[in-house]
Amino acid sequence: MSESQTTEQSQEQTLDEKFFERADAHIALANGHINQQVHPGQVGNSFMYAAARFAAWLSAAGFQSGEEMIAKKPELLEYFIGQYASMLEENLEDYAANYDYYMGLSKEQAKNK
């Protein structure tokens, strides 16, 4: 799998009309694991591990051998880390701009902060 193939595939996938629906389904699944015994941070760690594991599988599917894959490891890391950083930055900015709404604060609570 070349870097250009990975980038092209990602662009096609992010343009998919079901992109946010799938993302929301994963978030709902993760939220369903949060309870009094399981902290959101624990669920977040599992979620990140699952995303990394899936990215490794996705990458492996584009190669003919483990040797071929490991030779491209730096490019794969750069690509996936870059994608994650971009998505995280976008979501951090969104949460900061819409903090009260996303965190469930009423208008009255927001005024009294």
PDB file of N, CA and C in Angstrom:
ATOM      1  N   MET A   1       0.854  -1.167   0.000  1.00  0.00           N
ATOM      2  CA  MET A   1       0.000   0.000   0.000  1.00  0.00           C
ATOM      3  C   MET A   1       0.899   1.229   0.000  1.00  0.00           C
ATOM      4  N   SER A   2       0.761   2.042  -1.001  1.00  0.00           N
ATOM      5  CA  SER A   2       1.569   3.252  -1.052  1.00  0.00           C
ATOM      6  C   SER A   2       0.886   4.355  -0.262  1.00  0.00           C
ATOM      7  N   GLU A   3       1.666   5.379   0.075  1.00  0.00           N
ATOM      8  CA  GLU A   3       1.108   6.501   0.830  1.00  0.00           C
ATOM      9  C   GLU A   3       0.000   7.175   0.027  1.00  0.00           C
ATOM     10  N   SER A   4       0.191   7.277  -1.306  1.00  0.00           N
ATOM     11  CA  SER A   4      -0.849   7.916  -2.116  1.00  0.00           C
ATOM     12  C   SER A   4      -2.116   7.067  -2.149  1.00  0.00           C
ATOM     13  N   GLN A   5      -1.961   5.735  -2.155  1.00  0.00           N
ATOM     14  CA  GLN A   5      -3.141   4.871  -2.111  1.00  0.00           C
ATOM     15  C   GLN A   5      -3.878   5.062  -0.789  1.00  0.00           C
ATOM     16  N   THR A   6      -3.136   5.114   0.307  1.00  0.00           N
ATOM     17  CA  THR A   6      -3.737   5.286   1.623  1.00  0.00           C
ATOM     18  C   THR A   6      -4.468   6.617   1.693  1.00  0.00           C
ATOM     19  N   THR A   7      -3.839   7.693   1.192  1.00  0.00           N
ATOM     20  CA  THR A   7      -4.453   9.011   1.212  1.00  0.00           C
ATOM     21  C   THR A   7      -5.704   9.036   0.352  1.00  0.00           C
ATOM     22  N   GLU A   8      -5.631   8.446  -0.850  1.00  0.00           N
ATOM     23  CA  GLU A   8      -6.798   8.404  -1.730  1.00  0.00           C
ATOM     24  C   GLU A   8      -7.940   7.636  -1.087  1.00  0.00           C
ATOM     25  N   GLN A   9      -7.629   6.502  -0.478  1.00  0.00           N
ATOM     26  CA  GLN A   9      -8.658   5.704   0.176  1.00  0.00           C
ATOM     27  C   GLN A   9      -9.286   6.486   1.314  1.00  0.00           C
ATOM     28  N   SER A  10      -8.478   7.185   2.092  1.00  0.00           N
ATOM     29  CA  SER A  10      -8.995   7.959   3.223  1.00  0.00           C
ATOM     30  C   SER A  10      -9.918   9.064   2.731  1.00  0.00           C
ATOM     31  N   GLN A  11      -9.519   9.758   1.671  1.00  0.00           N
ATOM     32  CA  GLN A  11     -10.353  10.832   1.153  1.00  0.00           C
ATOM     33  C   GLN A  11     -11.684  10.289   0.655  1.00  0.00           C
ATOM     34  N   GLU A  12     -11.667   9.143  -0.008  1.00  0.00           N
ATOM     35  CA  GLU A  12     -12.907   8.523  -0.454  1.00  0.00           C
ATOM     36  C   GLU A  12     -13.771   8.148   0.736  1.00  0.00           C
ATOM     37  N   GLN A  13     -13.150   7.596   1.771  1.00  0.00           N
ATOM     38  CA  GLN A  13     -13.892   7.143   2.932  1.00  0.00           C
ATOM     39  C   GLN A  13     -14.484   8.309   3.711  1.00  0.00           C
ATOM     40  N   THR A  14     -13.762   9.431   3.827  1.00  0.00           N
ATOM     41  CA  THR A  14     -14.289  10.550   4.595  1.00  0.00           C
ATOM     42  C   THR A  14     -15.410  11.251   3.842  1.00  0.00           C
ATOM     43  N   LEU A  15     -15.471  11.093   2.540  1.00  0.00           N
ATOM     44  CA  LEU A  15     -16.537  11.697   1.753  1.00  0.00           C
ATOM     45  C   LEU A  15     -17.801  10.839   1.767  1.00  0.00           C
ATOM     46  N   ASP A  16     -17.705   9.635   2.258  1.00  0.00           N
ATOM     47  CA  ASP A  16     -18.822   8.713   2.342  1.00  0.00           C
ATOM     48  C   ASP A  16     -19.936   9.316   3.189  1.00  0.00           C
ATOM     49  N   GLU A  17     -21.161   9.276   2.693  1.00  0.00           N
ATOM     50  CA  GLU A  17     -22.285   9.877   3.417  1.00  0.00           C
ATOM     51  C   GLU A  17     -22.594   9.188   4.744  1.00  0.00           C
ATOM     52  N   LYS A  18     -22.075   7.996   4.957  1.00  0.00           N
ATOM     53  CA  LYS A  18     -22.312   7.263   6.207  1.00  0.00           C
ATOM     54  C   LYS A  18     -21.173   7.459   7.223  1.00  0.00           C
ATOM     55  N   PHE A  19     -20.191   8.288   6.898  1.00  0.00           N
ATOM     56  CA  PHE A  19     -19.018   8.486   7.752  1.00  0.00           C
ATOM     57  C   PHE A  19     -19.400   8.843   9.191  1.00  0.00           C
ATOM     58  N   PHE A  20     -20.201   9.889   9.363  1.00  0.00           N
ATOM     59  CA  PHE A  20     -20.555  10.340  10.709  1.00  0.00           C
ATOM     60  C   PHE A  20     -21.516   9.376  11.391  1.00  0.00           C
ATOM     61  N   GLU A  21     -22.351   8.717  10.623  1.00  0.00           N
ATOM     62  CA  GLU A  21     -23.255   7.716  11.205  1.00  0.00           C
ATOM     63  C   GLU A  21     -22.449   6.576  11.831  1.00  0.00           C
ATOM     64  N   ARG A  22     -21.414   6.112  11.125  1.00  0.00           N
ATOM     65  CA  ARG A  22     -20.568   5.046  11.677  1.00  0.00           C
ATOM     66  C   ARG A  22     -19.800   5.544  12.893  1.00  0.00           C
ATOM     67  N   ALA A  23     -19.257   6.747  12.799  1.00  0.00           N
ATOM     68  CA  ALA A  23     -18.516   7.307  13.940  1.00  0.00           C
ATOM     69  C   ALA A  23     -19.428   7.418  15.154  1.00  0.00           C
ATOM     70  N   ASP A  24     -20.640   7.916  14.964  1.00  0.00           N
ATOM     71  CA  ASP A  24     -21.581   8.053  16.073  1.00  0.00           C
ATOM     72  C   ASP A  24     -21.949   6.692  16.667  1.00  0.00           C
ATOM     73  N   ALA A  25     -22.038   5.662  15.833  1.00  0.00           N
ATOM     74  CA  ALA A  25     -22.345   4.316  16.333  1.00  0.00           C
ATOM     75  C   ALA A  25     -21.210   3.806  17.220  1.00  0.00           C
ATOM     76  N   HIS A  26     -19.972   4.070  16.841  1.00  0.00           N
ATOM     77  CA  HIS A  26     -18.827   3.662  17.671  1.00  0.00           C
ATOM     78  C   HIS A  26     -18.815   4.441  18.990  1.00  0.00           C
ATOM     79  N   ILE A  27     -19.122   5.713  18.925  1.00  0.00           N
ATOM     80  CA  ILE A  27     -19.162   6.535  20.139  1.00  0.00           C
ATOM     81  C   ILE A  27     -20.270   6.032  21.068  1.00  0.00           C
ATOM     82  N   ALA A  28     -21.430   5.717  20.504  1.00  0.00           N
ATOM     83  CA  ALA A  28     -22.530   5.190  21.322  1.00  0.00           C
ATOM     84  C   ALA A  28     -22.133   3.875  21.982  1.00  0.00           C
ATOM     85  N   LEU A  29     -21.447   3.025  21.244  1.00  0.00           N
ATOM     86  CA  LEU A  29     -20.980   1.761  21.811  1.00  0.00           C
ATOM     87  C   LEU A  29     -20.020   2.023  22.967  1.00  0.00           C
ATOM     88  N   ALA A  30     -19.083   2.931  22.767  1.00  0.00           N
ATOM     89  CA  ALA A  30     -18.133   3.272  23.834  1.00  0.00           C
ATOM     90  C   ALA A  30     -18.868   3.850  25.042  1.00  0.00           C
ATOM     91  N   ASN A  31     -19.797   4.760  24.800  1.00  0.00           N
ATOM     92  CA  ASN A  31     -20.552   5.361  25.901  1.00  0.00           C
ATOM     93  C   ASN A  31     -21.315   4.311  26.692  1.00  0.00           C
ATOM     94  N   GLY A  32     -21.770   3.269  26.017  1.00  0.00           N
ATOM     95  CA  GLY A  32     -22.508   2.201  26.672  1.00  0.00           C
ATOM     96  C   GLY A  32     -21.678   1.400  27.662  1.00  0.00           C
ATOM     97  N   HIS A  33     -20.369   1.514  27.573  1.00  0.00           N
ATOM     98  CA  HIS A  33     -19.478   0.801  28.494  1.00  0.00           C
ATOM     99  C   HIS A  33     -19.136   1.619  29.738  1.00  0.00           C
ATOM    100  N   ILE A  34     -19.502   2.885  29.748  1.00  0.00           N
ATOM    101  CA  ILE A  34     -19.211   3.752  30.890  1.00  0.00           C
ATOM    102  C   ILE A  34     -20.276   3.528  31.963  1.00  0.00           C
ATOM    103  N   ASN A  35     -19.816   3.257  33.164  1.00  0.00           N
ATOM    104  CA  ASN A  35     -20.732   3.096  34.293  1.00  0.00           C
ATOM    105  C   ASN A  35     -19.981   3.427  35.580  1.00  0.00           C
ATOM    106  N   GLN A  36     -20.564   3.117  36.719  1.00  0.00           N
ATOM    107  CA  GLN A  36     -19.922   3.485  37.986  1.00  0.00           C
ATOM    108  C   GLN A  36     -18.630   2.717  38.224  1.00  0.00           C
ATOM    109  N   GLN A  37     -18.482   1.554  37.622  1.00  0.00           N
ATOM    110  CA  GLN A  37     -17.258   0.774  37.803  1.00  0.00           C
ATOM    111  C   GLN A  37     -16.214   1.051  36.708  1.00  0.00           C
ATOM    112  N   VAL A  38     -16.660   1.588  35.595  1.00  0.00           N
ATOM    113  CA  VAL A  38     -15.766   1.810  34.453  1.00  0.00           C
ATOM    114  C   VAL A  38     -15.738   3.302  34.124  1.00  0.00           C
ATOM    115  N   HIS A  39     -14.587   3.904  34.325  1.00  0.00           N
ATOM    116  CA  HIS A  39     -14.366   5.335  34.102  1.00  0.00           C
ATOM    117  C   HIS A  39     -14.287   5.624  32.595  1.00  0.00           C
ATOM    118  N   PRO A  40     -14.739   6.812  32.161  1.00  0.00           N
ATOM    119  CA  PRO A  40     -14.620   7.165  30.742  1.00  0.00           C
ATOM    120  C   PRO A  40     -13.193   7.044  30.198  1.00  0.00           C
ATOM    121  N   GLY A  41     -12.187   7.323  31.043  1.00  0.00           N
ATOM    122  CA  GLY A  41     -10.794   7.191  30.592  1.00  0.00           C
ATOM    123  C   GLY A  41     -10.434   5.758  30.231  1.00  0.00           C
ATOM    124  N   GLN A  42     -10.984   4.801  30.984  1.00  0.00           N
ATOM    125  CA  GLN A  42     -10.730   3.389  30.675  1.00  0.00           C
ATOM    126  C   GLN A  42     -11.356   3.020  29.337  1.00  0.00           C
ATOM    127  N   VAL A  43     -12.563   3.501  29.116  1.00  0.00           N
ATOM    128  CA  VAL A  43     -13.241   3.232  27.847  1.00  0.00           C
ATOM    129  C   VAL A  43     -12.482   3.909  26.701  1.00  0.00           C
ATOM    130  N   GLY A  44     -12.018   5.135  26.948  1.00  0.00           N
ATOM    131  CA  GLY A  44     -11.244   5.848  25.926  1.00  0.00           C
ATOM    132  C   GLY A  44      -9.979   5.101  25.546  1.00  0.00           C
ATOM    133  N   ASN A  45      -9.292   4.533  26.533  1.00  0.00           N
ATOM    134  CA  ASN A  45      -8.083   3.747  26.238  1.00  0.00           C
ATOM    135  C   ASN A  45      -8.412   2.538  25.384  1.00  0.00           C
ATOM    136  N   SER A  46      -9.497   1.855  25.715  1.00  0.00           N
ATOM    137  CA  SER A  46      -9.908   0.695  24.918  1.00  0.00           C
ATOM    138  C   SER A  46     -10.278   1.117  23.501  1.00  0.00           C
ATOM    139  N   PHE A  47     -10.953   2.255  23.393  1.00  0.00           N
ATOM    140  CA  PHE A  47     -11.383   2.780  22.099  1.00  0.00           C
ATOM    141  C   PHE A  47     -10.175   3.107  21.221  1.00  0.00           C
ATOM    142  N   MET A  48      -9.165   3.771  21.809  1.00  0.00           N
ATOM    143  CA  MET A  48      -7.956   4.099  21.040  1.00  0.00           C
ATOM    144  C   MET A  48      -7.214   2.831  20.616  1.00  0.00           C
ATOM    145  N   TYR A  49      -7.147   1.843  21.534  1.00  0.00           N
ATOM    146  CA  TYR A  49      -6.481   0.595  21.192  1.00  0.00           C
ATOM    147  C   TYR A  49      -7.205  -0.093  20.034  1.00  0.00           C
ATOM    148  N   ALA A  50      -8.525  -0.108  20.089  1.00  0.00           N
ATOM    149  CA  ALA A  50      -9.301  -0.732  19.016  1.00  0.00           C
ATOM    150  C   ALA A  50      -9.069  -0.017  17.682  1.00  0.00           C
ATOM    151  N   ALA A  51      -9.015   1.311  17.719  1.00  0.00           N
ATOM    152  CA  ALA A  51      -8.769   2.074  16.489  1.00  0.00           C
ATOM    153  C   ALA A  51      -7.381   1.763  15.940  1.00  0.00           C
ATOM    154  N   ALA A  52      -6.390   1.656  16.828  1.00  0.00           N
ATOM    155  CA  ALA A  52      -5.030   1.329  16.393  1.00  0.00           C
ATOM    156  C   ALA A  52      -4.968  -0.088  15.828  1.00  0.00           C
ATOM    157  N   ARG A  53      -5.652  -1.005  16.489  1.00  0.00           N
ATOM    158  CA  ARG A  53      -5.664  -2.395  16.027  1.00  0.00           C
ATOM    159  C   ARG A  53      -6.315  -2.491  14.649  1.00  0.00           C
ATOM    160  N   PHE A  54      -7.413  -1.775  14.461  1.00  0.00           N
ATOM    161  CA  PHE A  54      -8.090  -1.779  13.167  1.00  0.00           C
ATOM    162  C   PHE A  54      -7.210  -1.141  12.096  1.00  0.00           C
ATOM    163  N   ALA A  55      -6.514  -0.061  12.438  1.00  0.00           N
ATOM    164  CA  ALA A  55      -5.612   0.588  11.475  1.00  0.00           C
ATOM    165  C   ALA A  55      -4.490  -0.358  11.067  1.00  0.00           C
ATOM    166  N   ALA A  56      -3.992  -1.154  12.006  1.00  0.00           N
ATOM    167  CA  ALA A  56      -2.949  -2.136  11.679  1.00  0.00           C
ATOM    168  C   ALA A  56      -3.494  -3.189  10.724  1.00  0.00           C
ATOM    169  N   TRP A  57      -4.714  -3.662  10.993  1.00  0.00           N
ATOM    170  CA  TRP A  57      -5.332  -4.648  10.100  1.00  0.00           C
ATOM    171  C   TRP A  57      -5.575  -4.050   8.716  1.00  0.00           C
ATOM    172  N   LEU A  58      -6.103  -2.829   8.703  1.00  0.00           N
ATOM    173  CA  LEU A  58      -6.359  -2.146   7.429  1.00  0.00           C
ATOM    174  C   LEU A  58      -5.068  -2.004   6.630  1.00  0.00           C
ATOM    175  N   SER A  59      -4.003  -1.636   7.300  1.00  0.00           N
ATOM    176  CA  SER A  59      -2.704  -1.503   6.644  1.00  0.00           C
ATOM    177  C   SER A  59      -2.220  -2.849   6.118  1.00  0.00           C
ATOM    178  N   ALA A  60      -2.285  -3.869   6.959  1.00  0.00           N
ATOM    179  CA  ALA A  60      -1.808  -5.198   6.564  1.00  0.00           C
ATOM    180  C   ALA A  60      -2.539  -5.710   5.330  1.00  0.00           C
ATOM    181  N   ALA A  61      -3.814  -5.385   5.221  1.00  0.00           N
ATOM    182  CA  ALA A  61      -4.612  -5.857   4.082  1.00  0.00           C
ATOM    183  C   ALA A  61      -4.102  -5.302   2.748  1.00  0.00           C
ATOM    184  N   GLY A  62      -3.310  -4.236   2.795  1.00  0.00           N
ATOM    185  CA  GLY A  62      -2.809  -3.634   1.566  1.00  0.00           C
ATOM    186  C   GLY A  62      -1.436  -4.115   1.139  1.00  0.00           C
ATOM    187  N   PHE A  63      -0.894  -5.099   1.851  1.00  0.00           N
ATOM    188  CA  PHE A  63       0.448  -5.600   1.546  1.00  0.00           C
ATOM    189  C   PHE A  63       0.411  -7.082   1.227  1.00  0.00           C
ATOM    190  N   GLN A  64       1.506  -7.536   0.626  1.00  0.00           N
ATOM    191  CA  GLN A  64       1.643  -8.946   0.285  1.00  0.00           C
ATOM    192  C   GLN A  64       2.387  -9.741   1.356  1.00  0.00           C
ATOM    193  N   SER A  65       3.106  -9.035   2.254  1.00  0.00           N
ATOM    194  CA  SER A  65       3.877  -9.732   3.289  1.00  0.00           C
ATOM    195  C   SER A  65       4.127  -8.799   4.470  1.00  0.00           C
ATOM    196  N   GLY A  66       4.490  -9.419   5.584  1.00  0.00           N
ATOM    197  CA  GLY A  66       4.856  -8.647   6.764  1.00  0.00           C
ATOM    198  C   GLY A  66       6.105  -7.822   6.525  1.00  0.00           C
ATOM    199  N   GLU A  67       7.019  -8.356   5.747  1.00  0.00           N
ATOM    200  CA  GLU A  67       8.258  -7.635   5.447  1.00  0.00           C
ATOM    201  C   GLU A  67       7.957  -6.374   4.650  1.00  0.00           C
ATOM    202  N   GLU A  68       7.057  -6.498   3.669  1.00  0.00           N
ATOM    203  CA  GLU A  68       6.663  -5.338   2.872  1.00  0.00           C
ATOM    204  C   GLU A  68       5.991  -4.293   3.766  1.00  0.00           C
ATOM    205  N   MET A  69       5.161  -4.780   4.677  1.00  0.00           N
ATOM    206  CA  MET A  69       4.453  -3.871   5.577  1.00  0.00           C
ATOM    207  C   MET A  69       5.418  -3.140   6.514  1.00  0.00           C
ATOM    208  N   ILE A  70       6.335  -3.864   7.109  1.00  0.00           N
ATOM    209  CA  ILE A  70       7.251  -3.248   8.073  1.00  0.00           C
ATOM    210  C   ILE A  70       8.162  -2.229   7.387  1.00  0.00           C
ATOM    211  N   ALA A  71       8.449  -2.457   6.105  1.00  0.00           N
ATOM    212  CA  ALA A  71       9.268  -1.496   5.361  1.00  0.00           C
ATOM    213  C   ALA A  71       8.547  -0.154   5.211  1.00  0.00           C
ATOM    214  N   LYS A  72       7.230  -0.195   5.219  1.00  0.00           N
ATOM    215  CA  LYS A  72       6.426   1.029   5.077  1.00  0.00           C
ATOM    216  C   LYS A  72       5.917   1.568   6.418  1.00  0.00           C
ATOM    217  N   LYS A  73       6.368   0.960   7.505  1.00  0.00           N
ATOM    218  CA  LYS A  73       5.893   1.358   8.829  1.00  0.00           C
ATOM    219  C   LYS A  73       6.041   2.862   9.088  1.00  0.00           C
ATOM    220  N   PRO A  74       7.183   3.487   8.773  1.00  0.00           N
ATOM    221  CA  PRO A  74       7.283   4.938   9.038  1.00  0.00           C
ATOM    222  C   PRO A  74       6.210   5.755   8.308  1.00  0.00           C
ATOM    223  N   GLU A  75       5.945   5.404   7.057  1.00  0.00           N
ATOM    224  CA  GLU A  75       4.925   6.124   6.297  1.00  0.00           C
ATOM    225  C   GLU A  75       3.532   5.873   6.866  1.00  0.00           C
ATOM    226  N   LEU A  76       3.279   4.633   7.272  1.00  0.00           N
ATOM    227  CA  LEU A  76       1.981   4.309   7.867  1.00  0.00           C
ATOM    228  C   LEU A  76       1.767   5.085   9.163  1.00  0.00           C
ATOM    229  N   LEU A  77       2.786   5.105  10.014  1.00  0.00           N
ATOM    230  CA  LEU A  77       2.684   5.858  11.268  1.00  0.00           C
ATOM    231  C   LEU A  77       2.450   7.340  10.995  1.00  0.00           C
ATOM    232  N   GLU A  78       3.199   7.891  10.071  1.00  0.00           N
ATOM    233  CA  GLU A  78       3.039   9.306   9.740  1.00  0.00           C
ATOM    234  C   GLU A  78       1.619   9.594   9.268  1.00  0.00           C
ATOM    235  N   TYR A  79       1.103   8.728   8.409  1.00  0.00           N
ATOM    236  CA  TYR A  79      -0.247   8.918   7.879  1.00  0.00           C
ATOM    237  C   TYR A  79      -1.300   8.839   8.986  1.00  0.00           C
ATOM    238  N   PHE A  80      -1.301   7.746   9.742  1.00  0.00           N
ATOM    239  CA  PHE A  80      -2.346   7.561  10.752  1.00  0.00           C
ATOM    240  C   PHE A  80      -2.238   8.572  11.896  1.00  0.00           C
ATOM    241  N   ILE A  81      -1.037   8.890  12.318  1.00  0.00           N
ATOM    242  CA  ILE A  81      -0.858   9.890  13.372  1.00  0.00           C
ATOM    243  C   ILE A  81      -1.308  11.257  12.869  1.00  0.00           C
ATOM    244  N   GLY A  82      -0.985  11.568  11.639  1.00  0.00           N
ATOM    245  CA  GLY A  82      -1.415  12.836  11.049  1.00  0.00           C
ATOM    246  C   GLY A  82      -2.929  12.937  10.948  1.00  0.00           C
ATOM    247  N   GLN A  83      -3.563  11.856  10.520  1.00  0.00           N
ATOM    248  CA  GLN A  83      -5.021  11.842  10.424  1.00  0.00           C
ATOM    249  C   GLN A  83      -5.653  12.023  11.801  1.00  0.00           C
ATOM    250  N   TYR A  84      -5.136  11.281  12.794  1.00  0.00           N
ATOM    251  CA  TYR A  84      -5.681  11.372  14.147  1.00  0.00           C
ATOM    252  C   TYR A  84      -5.491  12.785  14.708  1.00  0.00           C
ATOM    253  N   ALA A  85      -4.303  13.345  14.526  1.00  0.00           N
ATOM    254  CA  ALA A  85      -4.024  14.689  15.037  1.00  0.00           C
ATOM    255  C   ALA A  85      -4.974  15.710  14.411  1.00  0.00           C
ATOM    256  N   SER A  86      -5.206  15.600  13.122  1.00  0.00           N
ATOM    257  CA  SER A  86      -6.103  16.518  12.430  1.00  0.00           C
ATOM    258  C   SER A  86      -7.539  16.391  12.950  1.00  0.00           C
ATOM    259  N   MET A  87      -7.999  15.150  13.105  1.00  0.00           N
ATOM    260  CA  MET A  87      -9.359  14.925  13.595  1.00  0.00           C
ATOM    261  C   MET A  87      -9.503  15.370  15.048  1.00  0.00           C
ATOM    262  N   LEU A  88      -8.484  15.107  15.859  1.00  0.00           N
ATOM    263  CA  LEU A  88      -8.524  15.527  17.257  1.00  0.00           C
ATOM    264  C   LEU A  88      -8.534  17.046  17.363  1.00  0.00           C
ATOM    265  N   GLU A  89      -7.701  17.710  16.591  1.00  0.00           N
ATOM    266  CA  GLU A  89      -7.665  19.176  16.616  1.00  0.00           C
ATOM    267  C   GLU A  89      -9.033  19.751  16.249  1.00  0.00           C
ATOM    268  N   GLU A  90      -9.636  19.218  15.201  1.00  0.00           N
ATOM    269  CA  GLU A  90     -10.955  19.686  14.767  1.00  0.00           C
ATOM    270  C   GLU A  90     -11.992  19.501  15.881  1.00  0.00           C
ATOM    271  N   ASN A  91     -11.970  18.355  16.535  1.00  0.00           N
ATOM    272  CA  ASN A  91     -12.951  18.085  17.587  1.00  0.00           C
ATOM    273  C   ASN A  91     -12.685  18.877  18.864  1.00  0.00           C
ATOM    274  N   LEU A  92     -11.416  19.101  19.209  1.00  0.00           N
ATOM    275  CA  LEU A  92     -11.107  19.944  20.370  1.00  0.00           C
ATOM    276  C   LEU A  92     -11.617  21.364  20.149  1.00  0.00           C
ATOM    277  N   GLU A  93     -11.411  21.893  18.955  1.00  0.00           N
ATOM    278  CA  GLU A  93     -11.897  23.229  18.632  1.00  0.00           C
ATOM    279  C   GLU A  93     -13.424  23.288  18.684  1.00  0.00           C
ATOM    280  N   ASP A  94     -14.073  22.246  18.169  1.00  0.00           N
ATOM    281  CA  ASP A  94     -15.530  22.181  18.181  1.00  0.00           C
ATOM    282  C   ASP A  94     -16.053  22.130  19.618  1.00  0.00           C
ATOM    283  N   TYR A  95     -15.438  21.296  20.451  1.00  0.00           N
ATOM    284  CA  TYR A  95     -15.866  21.207  21.849  1.00  0.00           C
ATOM    285  C   TYR A  95     -15.634  22.517  22.596  1.00  0.00           C
ATOM    286  N   ALA A  96     -14.522  23.174  22.341  1.00  0.00           N
ATOM    287  CA  ALA A  96     -14.253  24.456  22.999  1.00  0.00           C
ATOM    288  C   ALA A  96     -15.290  25.503  22.583  1.00  0.00           C
ATOM    289  N   ALA A  97     -15.620  25.533  21.306  1.00  0.00           N
ATOM    290  CA  ALA A  97     -16.587  26.512  20.800  1.00  0.00           C
ATOM    291  C   ALA A  97     -18.010  26.222  21.274  1.00  0.00           C
ATOM    292  N   ASN A  98     -18.311  24.970  21.541  1.00  0.00           N
ATOM    293  CA  ASN A  98     -19.667  24.559  21.924  1.00  0.00           C
ATOM    294  C   ASN A  98     -19.689  23.878  23.284  1.00  0.00           C
ATOM    295  N   TYR A  99     -18.780  24.290  24.158  1.00  0.00           N
ATOM    296  CA  TYR A  99     -18.564  23.606  25.427  1.00  0.00           C
ATOM    297  C   TYR A  99     -19.843  23.432  26.250  1.00  0.00           C
ATOM    298  N   ASP A 100     -20.555  24.517  26.478  1.00  0.00           N
ATOM    299  CA  ASP A 100     -21.741  24.449  27.330  1.00  0.00           C
ATOM    300  C   ASP A 100     -22.771  23.476  26.768  1.00  0.00           C
ATOM    301  N   TYR A 101     -22.990  23.524  25.481  1.00  0.00           N
ATOM    302  CA  TYR A 101     -23.964  22.629  24.846  1.00  0.00           C
ATOM    303  C   TYR A 101     -23.526  21.167  24.969  1.00  0.00           C
ATOM    304  N   TYR A 102     -22.284  20.882  24.585  1.00  0.00           N
ATOM    305  CA  TYR A 102     -21.804  19.503  24.599  1.00  0.00           C
ATOM    306  C   TYR A 102     -21.693  18.922  26.005  1.00  0.00           C
ATOM    307  N   MET A 103     -21.374  19.773  26.960  1.00  0.00           N
ATOM    308  CA  MET A 103     -21.206  19.288  28.324  1.00  0.00           C
ATOM    309  C   MET A 103     -22.506  19.330  29.119  1.00  0.00           C
ATOM    310  N   GLY A 104     -23.597  19.698  28.449  1.00  0.00           N
ATOM    311  CA  GLY A 104     -24.917  19.630  29.055  1.00  0.00           C
ATOM    312  C   GLY A 104     -25.239  20.723  30.048  1.00  0.00           C
ATOM    313  N   LEU A 105     -24.559  21.844  29.942  1.00  0.00           N
ATOM    314  CA  LEU A 105     -24.840  22.949  30.860  1.00  0.00           C
ATOM    315  C   LEU A 105     -26.052  23.727  30.358  1.00  0.00           C
ATOM    316  N   SER A 106     -26.935  24.038  31.273  1.00  0.00           N
ATOM    317  CA  SER A 106     -28.069  24.879  30.911  1.00  0.00           C
ATOM    318  C   SER A 106     -27.581  26.309  30.686  1.00  0.00           C
ATOM    319  N   LYS A 107     -28.396  27.116  30.093  1.00  0.00           N
ATOM    320  CA  LYS A 107     -28.022  28.522  29.890  1.00  0.00           C
ATOM    321  C   LYS A 107     -27.774  29.205  31.224  1.00  0.00           C
ATOM    322  N   GLU A 108     -28.565  28.873  32.224  1.00  0.00           N
ATOM    323  CA  GLU A 108     -28.407  29.471  33.560  1.00  0.00           C
ATOM    324  C   GLU A 108     -27.067  29.036  34.177  1.00  0.00           C
ATOM    325  N   GLN A 109     -26.732  27.752  34.082  1.00  0.00           N
ATOM    326  CA  GLN A 109     -25.461  27.258  34.628  1.00  0.00           C
ATOM    327  C   GLN A 109     -24.288  27.932  33.908  1.00  0.00           C
ATOM    328  N   ALA A 110     -24.383  28.086  32.594  1.00  0.00           N
ATOM    329  CA  ALA A 110     -23.311  28.690  31.818  1.00  0.00           C
ATOM    330  C   ALA A 110     -23.081  30.136  32.246  1.00  0.00           C
ATOM    331  N   LYS A 111     -24.177  30.864  32.549  1.00  0.00           N
ATOM    332  CA  LYS A 111     -24.061  32.252  32.983  1.00  0.00           C
ATOM    333  C   LYS A 111     -23.345  32.352  34.335  1.00  0.00           C
ATOM    334  N   ASN A 112     -23.570  31.381  35.201  1.00  0.00           N
ATOM    335  CA  ASN A 112     -23.036  31.418  36.554  1.00  0.00           C
ATOM    336  C   ASN A 112     -21.660  30.779  36.696  1.00  0.00           C
ATOM    337  N   LYS A 113     -21.043  30.398  35.620  1.00  0.00           N
ATOM    338  CA  LYS A 113     -19.714  29.763  35.704  1.00  0.00           C
ATOM    339  C   LYS A 113     -18.688  30.729  36.227  1.00  0.00           C
TER     340      LYS A 113
END
